[in-house]
Amino acid sequence: MMFLSVPQHGTLLPGQVIRLHEVLEKEKKRRTEIDQIEQLPVTSVEKEKKLIEEHVDVFNPMPACFYTVSRKEATEMLEKNPSFGNMILRPGSDSGNYSITIRQEIDIPRIKHYKVVKTGENYTIELEKPVTLPSLCSVIDYFVKETRGNLRPFIYSTDDNFGQELNTEGRNEKLKKNPYVA
């Protein structure tokens, strides 16, 4: 049997290491469930379908600018911390889809939200002329390229003081962290 672990020494970013740990745990759980399925009668097709649906695509990981936040929280993050970037990928209001929240300063700061719909194996950005791309990373790249680099993914630094803002009482307050980035 193969031993599954995350390499301790390498050149991975902290967020990538966290994501690998999450994928590793899901894979261990999946393998345990597969072992249980193999011991069950062949009639448990539903359980097998569920395992396939829960599969995590290791080759198409979540972009570093993905945060499990609401529309309002994403807007606040972008307004309070423009130096971290100006584009956040977040869960959409409808299950299984995503949204991109951006902050642009053309004349005045503007917040815009774009819906990203999972269509089979691809993702479609709902624009005037819809754009379909193979991964969420490609979606982020599309926005960066189409704006000639004016949009930058919102990413926290690993610096201990980075990601803190002084609140009105003068205390440091940690920002809501991306679950995939340390």
C-alpha atoms as a PDB file:
ATOM      1  CA  MET A   1       0.000   0.000   0.000  1.00  0.00           C
ATOM      2  CA  MET A   2       1.237   3.482  -0.874  1.00  0.00           C
ATOM      3  CA  PHE A   3       1.843   5.957   1.967  1.00  0.00           C
ATOM      4  CA  LEU A   4       0.204   9.349   1.380  1.00  0.00           C
ATOM      5  CA  SER A   5       1.826  12.475   2.781  1.00  0.00           C
ATOM      6  CA  VAL A   6       2.628  16.080   1.948  1.00  0.00           C
ATOM      7  CA  PRO A   7       6.357  16.598   1.314  1.00  0.00           C
ATOM      8  CA  GLN A   8       7.968  18.526   4.171  1.00  0.00           C
ATOM      9  CA  HIS A   9      10.730  20.086   2.114  1.00  0.00           C
ATOM     10  CA  GLY A  10       9.982  21.832  -1.121  1.00  0.00           C
ATOM     11  CA  THR A  11       9.312  25.139  -2.758  1.00  0.00           C
ATOM     12  CA  LEU A  12       5.579  25.393  -2.209  1.00  0.00           C
ATOM     13  CA  LEU A  13       3.760  28.479  -1.012  1.00  0.00           C
ATOM     14  CA  PRO A  14       2.001  28.181   2.357  1.00  0.00           C
ATOM     15  CA  GLY A  15      -1.386  28.200   0.654  1.00  0.00           C
ATOM     16  CA  GLN A  16      -0.345  25.368  -1.613  1.00  0.00           C
ATOM     17  CA  VAL A  17       0.817  23.325   1.395  1.00  0.00           C
ATOM     18  CA  ILE A  18      -2.520  23.883   3.158  1.00  0.00           C
ATOM     19  CA  ARG A  19      -4.409  22.923  -0.007  1.00  0.00           C
ATOM     20  CA  LEU A  20      -2.294  19.754  -0.344  1.00  0.00           C
ATOM     21  CA  HIS A  21      -3.120  18.818   3.259  1.00  0.00           C
ATOM     22  CA  GLU A  22      -6.841  19.300   2.547  1.00  0.00           C
ATOM     23  CA  VAL A  23      -6.674  17.226  -0.631  1.00  0.00           C
ATOM     24  CA  LEU A  24      -4.680  14.554   1.200  1.00  0.00           C
ATOM     25  CA  GLU A  25      -7.331  14.290   3.931  1.00  0.00           C
ATOM     26  CA  LYS A  26     -10.120  14.031   1.343  1.00  0.00           C
ATOM     27  CA  GLU A  27      -8.158  11.374  -0.554  1.00  0.00           C
ATOM     28  CA  LYS A  28      -7.637   9.350   2.636  1.00  0.00           C
ATOM     29  CA  LYS A  29     -11.364   9.606   3.379  1.00  0.00           C
ATOM     30  CA  ARG A  30     -12.206   8.651  -0.211  1.00  0.00           C
ATOM     31  CA  ARG A  31      -9.938   5.608  -0.084  1.00  0.00           C
ATOM     32  CA  THR A  32     -11.492   4.495   3.188  1.00  0.00           C
ATOM     33  CA  GLU A  33     -14.946   4.806   1.635  1.00  0.00           C
ATOM     34  CA  ILE A  34     -13.829   2.900  -1.472  1.00  0.00           C
ATOM     35  CA  ASP A  35     -12.516   0.109   0.743  1.00  0.00           C
ATOM     36  CA  GLN A  36     -15.908   0.017   2.451  1.00  0.00           C
ATOM     37  CA  ILE A  37     -17.722  -0.029  -0.899  1.00  0.00           C
ATOM     38  CA  GLU A  38     -15.601  -2.919  -2.132  1.00  0.00           C
ATOM     39  CA  GLN A  39     -16.753  -4.909   0.908  1.00  0.00           C
ATOM     40  CA  LEU A  40     -20.420  -4.127   0.214  1.00  0.00           C
ATOM     41  CA  PRO A  41     -22.641  -5.884  -2.326  1.00  0.00           C
ATOM     42  CA  VAL A  42     -22.521  -4.488  -5.882  1.00  0.00           C
ATOM     43  CA  THR A  43     -25.963  -2.870  -5.360  1.00  0.00           C
ATOM     44  CA  SER A  44     -24.499   0.220  -3.631  1.00  0.00           C
ATOM     45  CA  VAL A  45     -24.095   2.207  -6.850  1.00  0.00           C
ATOM     46  CA  GLU A  46     -25.427   5.391  -5.221  1.00  0.00           C
ATOM     47  CA  LYS A  47     -22.561   5.492  -2.737  1.00  0.00           C
ATOM     48  CA  GLU A  48     -20.053   5.066  -5.542  1.00  0.00           C
ATOM     49  CA  LYS A  49     -21.653   7.949  -7.488  1.00  0.00           C
ATOM     50  CA  LYS A  50     -21.341  10.124  -4.379  1.00  0.00           C
ATOM     51  CA  LEU A  51     -17.598   9.381  -4.176  1.00  0.00           C
ATOM     52  CA  ILE A  52     -17.120  10.445  -7.776  1.00  0.00           C
ATOM     53  CA  GLU A  53     -18.998  13.713  -7.157  1.00  0.00           C
ATOM     54  CA  GLU A  54     -16.830  14.517  -4.105  1.00  0.00           C
ATOM     55  CA  HIS A  55     -13.593  13.961  -6.038  1.00  0.00           C
ATOM     56  CA  VAL A  56     -11.163  16.872  -5.697  1.00  0.00           C
ATOM     57  CA  ASP A  57      -9.318  17.778  -8.852  1.00  0.00           C
ATOM     58  CA  VAL A  58      -5.677  18.002  -7.780  1.00  0.00           C
ATOM     59  CA  PHE A  59      -4.602  19.277 -11.204  1.00  0.00           C
ATOM     60  CA  ASN A  60      -7.021  22.231 -11.083  1.00  0.00           C
ATOM     61  CA  PRO A  61      -6.613  23.623  -7.569  1.00  0.00           C
ATOM     62  CA  MET A  62      -8.495  26.596  -6.195  1.00  0.00           C
ATOM     63  CA  PRO A  63      -6.792  29.916  -7.037  1.00  0.00           C
ATOM     64  CA  ALA A  64      -4.998  31.685  -4.175  1.00  0.00           C
ATOM     65  CA  CYS A  65      -7.503  34.566  -4.369  1.00  0.00           C
ATOM     66  CA  PHE A  66     -10.421  32.273  -3.434  1.00  0.00           C
ATOM     67  CA  TYR A  67     -12.008  33.167  -0.095  1.00  0.00           C
ATOM     68  CA  THR A  68     -15.093  31.672   1.513  1.00  0.00           C
ATOM     69  CA  VAL A  69     -16.743  35.022   2.096  1.00  0.00           C
ATOM     70  CA  SER A  70     -20.036  36.706   1.253  1.00  0.00           C
ATOM     71  CA  ARG A  71     -20.473  39.424  -1.340  1.00  0.00           C
ATOM     72  CA  LYS A  72     -20.451  42.053   1.417  1.00  0.00           C
ATOM     73  CA  GLU A  73     -17.317  40.619   3.081  1.00  0.00           C
ATOM     74  CA  ALA A  74     -15.471  40.489  -0.260  1.00  0.00           C
ATOM     75  CA  THR A  75     -16.358  44.135  -0.889  1.00  0.00           C
ATOM     76  CA  GLU A  76     -15.089  45.125   2.567  1.00  0.00           C
ATOM     77  CA  MET A  77     -11.846  43.176   2.093  1.00  0.00           C
ATOM     78  CA  LEU A  78     -11.148  44.938  -1.208  1.00  0.00           C
ATOM     79  CA  GLU A  79     -11.994  48.388   0.167  1.00  0.00           C
ATOM     80  CA  LYS A  80      -9.906  48.037   3.340  1.00  0.00           C
ATOM     81  CA  ASN A  81      -6.837  46.436   1.737  1.00  0.00           C
ATOM     82  CA  PRO A  82      -6.242  47.680  -1.820  1.00  0.00           C
ATOM     83  CA  SER A  83      -2.521  46.838  -1.588  1.00  0.00           C
ATOM     84  CA  PHE A  84      -3.342  43.093  -1.351  1.00  0.00           C
ATOM     85  CA  GLY A  85      -4.987  43.082  -4.774  1.00  0.00           C
ATOM     86  CA  ASN A  86      -8.353  44.018  -6.247  1.00  0.00           C
ATOM     87  CA  MET A  87      -9.990  40.747  -7.323  1.00  0.00           C
ATOM     88  CA  ILE A  88     -11.532  38.025  -5.135  1.00  0.00           C
ATOM     89  CA  LEU A  89     -13.000  34.702  -6.225  1.00  0.00           C
ATOM     90  CA  ARG A  90     -15.724  33.578  -3.826  1.00  0.00           C
ATOM     91  CA  PRO A  91     -18.639  31.140  -3.631  1.00  0.00           C
ATOM     92  CA  GLY A  92     -21.629  32.322  -5.615  1.00  0.00           C
ATOM     93  CA  SER A  93     -25.033  32.905  -4.084  1.00  0.00           C
ATOM     94  CA  ASP A  94     -26.331  29.792  -5.831  1.00  0.00           C
ATOM     95  CA  SER A  95     -24.807  26.454  -4.902  1.00  0.00           C
ATOM     96  CA  GLY A  96     -21.956  25.112  -7.000  1.00  0.00           C
ATOM     97  CA  ASN A  97     -21.163  28.355  -8.809  1.00  0.00           C
ATOM     98  CA  TYR A  98     -18.736  31.171  -8.082  1.00  0.00           C
ATOM     99  CA  SER A  99     -18.525  34.940  -8.216  1.00  0.00           C
ATOM    100  CA  ILE A 100     -15.677  37.315  -8.830  1.00  0.00           C
ATOM    101  CA  THR A 101     -15.698  40.587  -6.947  1.00  0.00           C
ATOM    102  CA  ILE A 102     -13.446  43.321  -8.296  1.00  0.00           C
ATOM    103  CA  ARG A 103     -12.573  46.837  -7.213  1.00  0.00           C
ATOM    104  CA  GLN A 104     -11.508  49.232  -9.949  1.00  0.00           C
ATOM    105  CA  GLU A 105     -10.485  52.859  -9.608  1.00  0.00           C
ATOM    106  CA  ILE A 106     -11.240  54.531 -12.914  1.00  0.00           C
ATOM    107  CA  ASP A 107     -12.715  57.907 -11.859  1.00  0.00           C
ATOM    108  CA  ILE A 108     -13.910  56.745  -8.472  1.00  0.00           C
ATOM    109  CA  PRO A 109     -13.544  53.346  -6.769  1.00  0.00           C
ATOM    110  CA  ARG A 110     -16.139  50.911  -8.131  1.00  0.00           C
ATOM    111  CA  ILE A 111     -17.043  47.426  -6.985  1.00  0.00           C
ATOM    112  CA  LYS A 112     -18.366  44.957  -9.563  1.00  0.00           C
ATOM    113  CA  HIS A 113     -19.458  41.343  -9.281  1.00  0.00           C
ATOM    114  CA  TYR A 114     -19.312  38.731 -12.033  1.00  0.00           C
ATOM    115  CA  LYS A 115     -21.016  35.356 -11.988  1.00  0.00           C
ATOM    116  CA  VAL A 116     -18.928  32.293 -12.882  1.00  0.00           C
ATOM    117  CA  VAL A 117     -21.051  29.230 -13.675  1.00  0.00           C
ATOM    118  CA  LYS A 118     -19.722  25.673 -13.685  1.00  0.00           C
ATOM    119  CA  THR A 119     -20.733  24.170 -17.032  1.00  0.00           C
ATOM    120  CA  GLY A 120     -19.708  20.519 -17.116  1.00  0.00           C
ATOM    121  CA  GLU A 121     -15.916  20.466 -16.855  1.00  0.00           C
ATOM    122  CA  ASN A 122     -15.606  24.194 -17.682  1.00  0.00           C
ATOM    123  CA  TYR A 123     -16.453  27.559 -16.143  1.00  0.00           C
ATOM    124  CA  THR A 124     -18.413  30.282 -17.926  1.00  0.00           C
ATOM    125  CA  ILE A 125     -18.043  33.943 -16.988  1.00  0.00           C
ATOM    126  CA  GLU A 126     -21.417  35.579 -17.517  1.00  0.00           C
ATOM    127  CA  LEU A 127     -20.488  38.670 -19.499  1.00  0.00           C
ATOM    128  CA  GLU A 128     -22.269  40.432 -22.349  1.00  0.00           C
ATOM    129  CA  LYS A 129     -20.516  37.858 -24.532  1.00  0.00           C
ATOM    130  CA  PRO A 130     -20.036  34.801 -22.230  1.00  0.00           C
ATOM    131  CA  VAL A 131     -16.503  33.412 -21.962  1.00  0.00           C
ATOM    132  CA  THR A 132     -15.924  29.703 -21.215  1.00  0.00           C
ATOM    133  CA  LEU A 133     -12.622  28.546 -19.728  1.00  0.00           C
ATOM    134  CA  PRO A 134     -11.283  25.178 -18.486  1.00  0.00           C
ATOM    135  CA  SER A 135     -10.468  26.117 -14.863  1.00  0.00           C
ATOM    136  CA  LEU A 136     -10.968  28.732 -12.174  1.00  0.00           C
ATOM    137  CA  CYS A 137      -7.278  29.670 -12.491  1.00  0.00           C
ATOM    138  CA  SER A 138      -7.950  30.370 -16.179  1.00  0.00           C
ATOM    139  CA  VAL A 139     -10.882  32.577 -15.155  1.00  0.00           C
ATOM    140  CA  ILE A 140      -8.593  34.650 -12.911  1.00  0.00           C
ATOM    141  CA  ASP A 141      -5.948  34.816 -15.671  1.00  0.00           C
ATOM    142  CA  TYR A 142      -8.608  35.998 -18.128  1.00  0.00           C
ATOM    143  CA  PHE A 143      -9.519  38.996 -15.949  1.00  0.00           C
ATOM    144  CA  VAL A 144      -5.840  39.879 -15.397  1.00  0.00           C
ATOM    145  CA  LYS A 145      -5.015  39.668 -19.123  1.00  0.00           C
ATOM    146  CA  GLU A 146      -8.155  41.464 -20.334  1.00  0.00           C
ATOM    147  CA  THR A 147      -7.422  44.402 -17.997  1.00  0.00           C
ATOM    148  CA  ARG A 148      -3.703  44.407 -18.946  1.00  0.00           C
ATOM    149  CA  GLY A 149      -2.758  43.693 -15.338  1.00  0.00           C
ATOM    150  CA  ASN A 150      -4.995  46.348 -13.766  1.00  0.00           C
ATOM    151  CA  LEU A 151      -6.823  43.584 -11.922  1.00  0.00           C
ATOM    152  CA  ARG A 152      -4.623  41.626  -9.496  1.00  0.00           C
ATOM    153  CA  PRO A 153      -5.674  38.635  -7.390  1.00  0.00           C
ATOM    154  CA  PHE A 154      -6.262  39.567  -3.735  1.00  0.00           C
ATOM    155  CA  ILE A 155      -3.677  37.553  -1.785  1.00  0.00           C
ATOM    156  CA  TYR A 156      -2.511  37.841   1.797  1.00  0.00           C
ATOM    157  CA  SER A 157       1.181  37.832   2.603  1.00  0.00           C
ATOM    158  CA  THR A 158       2.733  35.304   4.991  1.00  0.00           C
ATOM    159  CA  ASP A 159       4.194  38.224   6.993  1.00  0.00           C
ATOM    160  CA  ASP A 160       2.725  38.188  10.534  1.00  0.00           C
ATOM    161  CA  ASN A 161       1.682  41.852  10.395  1.00  0.00           C
ATOM    162  CA  PHE A 162       0.332  41.606   6.873  1.00  0.00           C
ATOM    163  CA  GLY A 163      -3.422  41.109   6.835  1.00  0.00           C
ATOM    164  CA  GLN A 164      -4.018  43.242   9.906  1.00  0.00           C
ATOM    165  CA  GLU A 165      -5.790  46.546  10.017  1.00  0.00           C
ATOM    166  CA  LEU A 166      -6.080  48.972  12.890  1.00  0.00           C
ATOM    167  CA  ASN A 167      -9.685  49.190  13.980  1.00  0.00           C
ATOM    168  CA  THR A 168     -11.285  52.294  15.509  1.00  0.00           C
ATOM    169  CA  GLU A 169      -9.993  51.408  19.002  1.00  0.00           C
ATOM    170  CA  GLY A 170      -6.440  51.108  17.643  1.00  0.00           C
ATOM    171  CA  ARG A 171      -6.216  47.312  18.063  1.00  0.00           C
ATOM    172  CA  ASN A 172      -4.945  45.028  15.329  1.00  0.00           C
ATOM    173  CA  GLU A 173      -7.668  42.927  13.812  1.00  0.00           C
ATOM    174  CA  LYS A 174      -6.913  39.818  11.726  1.00  0.00           C
ATOM    175  CA  LEU A 175      -8.670  39.693   8.389  1.00  0.00           C
ATOM    176  CA  LYS A 176     -10.747  36.674   7.424  1.00  0.00           C
ATOM    177  CA  LYS A 177      -8.172  34.269   5.998  1.00  0.00           C
ATOM    178  CA  ASN A 178      -8.465  32.278   2.834  1.00  0.00           C
ATOM    179  CA  PRO A 179      -8.853  28.642   3.941  1.00  0.00           C
ATOM    180  CA  TYR A 180      -6.365  27.645   1.235  1.00  0.00           C
ATOM    181  CA  VAL A 181      -3.665  30.184   2.065  1.00  0.00           C
ATOM    182  CA  ALA A 182      -1.663  30.359   5.308  1.00  0.00           C
END
